[in-house]
Protein backbone atom coordinates (compact mmCIF):
# COMPACT_ATOMS: atom_id res chain seq x y z
CA UNK A 1 -53.45 -27.07 82.45
CA UNK A 2 -55.79 -24.45 83.64
CA UNK A 3 -54.93 -21.03 83.46
CA UNK A 4 -55.06 -20.53 87.29
CA UNK A 5 -52.48 -23.73 87.42
CA UNK A 6 -49.63 -21.72 85.57
CA UNK A 7 -50.08 -18.25 86.66
CA UNK A 8 -49.86 -19.89 90.72
CA UNK A 9 -46.76 -21.40 89.79
CA UNK A 10 -45.44 -18.89 87.57
CA UNK A 11 -45.82 -16.01 90.63
CA UNK A 12 -44.28 -19.12 93.09
CA UNK A 13 -41.11 -19.68 91.27
CA UNK A 14 -41.07 -15.30 91.56
CA UNK A 15 -41.29 -15.01 94.38
CA UNK A 16 -38.48 -17.03 95.21
CA UNK A 17 -36.74 -16.15 93.40
CA UNK A 18 -37.38 -12.22 94.64
CA UNK A 19 -36.54 -13.85 98.04
CA UNK A 20 -33.20 -15.72 96.49
CA UNK A 21 -31.80 -13.22 94.92
CA UNK A 22 -33.39 -9.43 95.65
CA UNK A 23 -33.49 -6.97 91.91
CA UNK A 24 -31.51 -4.02 92.98
CA UNK A 25 -32.70 -0.38 91.40
CA UNK A 26 -30.87 3.10 91.95
CA UNK A 27 -32.46 6.31 94.48
CA UNK A 28 -30.26 9.10 93.48
CA UNK A 29 -31.28 12.25 96.02
CA UNK A 30 -30.06 16.27 96.32
CA UNK A 31 -28.66 16.31 98.96
CA UNK A 32 -27.04 20.52 98.27
CA UNK A 33 -29.12 23.44 96.03
CA UNK A 34 -27.39 26.78 96.06
CA UNK A 35 -28.10 28.04 92.02
CA UNK A 36 -26.63 26.46 89.65
CA UNK A 37 -24.76 24.57 91.97
CA UNK A 38 -26.08 21.55 92.83
CA UNK A 39 -24.48 17.84 94.76
CA UNK A 40 -26.89 14.48 94.54
CA UNK A 41 -26.47 10.87 96.12
CA UNK A 42 -26.70 8.08 93.93
CA UNK A 43 -27.42 4.79 96.20
CA UNK A 44 -27.82 0.92 94.77
CA UNK A 45 -31.14 -0.65 97.35
CA UNK A 46 -32.51 -4.31 97.26
CA UNK A 47 -36.02 -4.86 96.68
CA UNK A 48 -37.46 -6.08 101.31
CA UNK A 49 -37.96 -9.20 101.01
CA UNK A 50 -41.34 -9.16 102.17
CA UNK A 51 -41.66 -8.24 98.01
CA UNK A 52 -41.12 -11.65 97.53
CA UNK A 53 -42.78 -13.54 100.48
CA UNK A 54 -46.20 -11.08 99.05
CA UNK A 55 -45.54 -12.84 95.44
CA UNK A 56 -44.97 -16.78 96.77
CA UNK A 57 -47.98 -16.01 99.13
CA UNK A 58 -49.96 -14.44 96.71
CA UNK A 59 -48.47 -17.25 94.27
CA UNK A 60 -49.32 -20.09 96.76
CA UNK A 61 -53.29 -18.43 97.52
CA UNK A 62 -53.79 -18.14 92.87
CA UNK A 63 -52.65 -21.88 93.48
CA UNK A 64 -55.15 -23.44 96.09
CA UNK A 65 -57.88 -21.55 94.70
CA UNK A 66 -57.38 -23.78 91.24
CA UNK A 67 -56.96 -27.25 92.69
CA UNK A 68 -59.33 -26.27 94.94
CA UNK A 69 -62.53 -25.09 91.56
CA UNK A 70 -61.17 -28.24 89.66
CA UNK A 71 -62.54 -30.64 92.41
């Protein structure tokens, strides 16, 4: 198989995985600071769903280009 076909398939699988199970990351923000006293807030956030759609779209594009070059 060509490298572009393999990369396209991997990107499609990653895009589907990101849409179905988005990863979470921690965001920490300082909300109050007075001298040496500081209060912070930590929030767990999920990766937006559009990011998985972008990866999926790029994967479809790479796969289509790989199939078009094959002909």
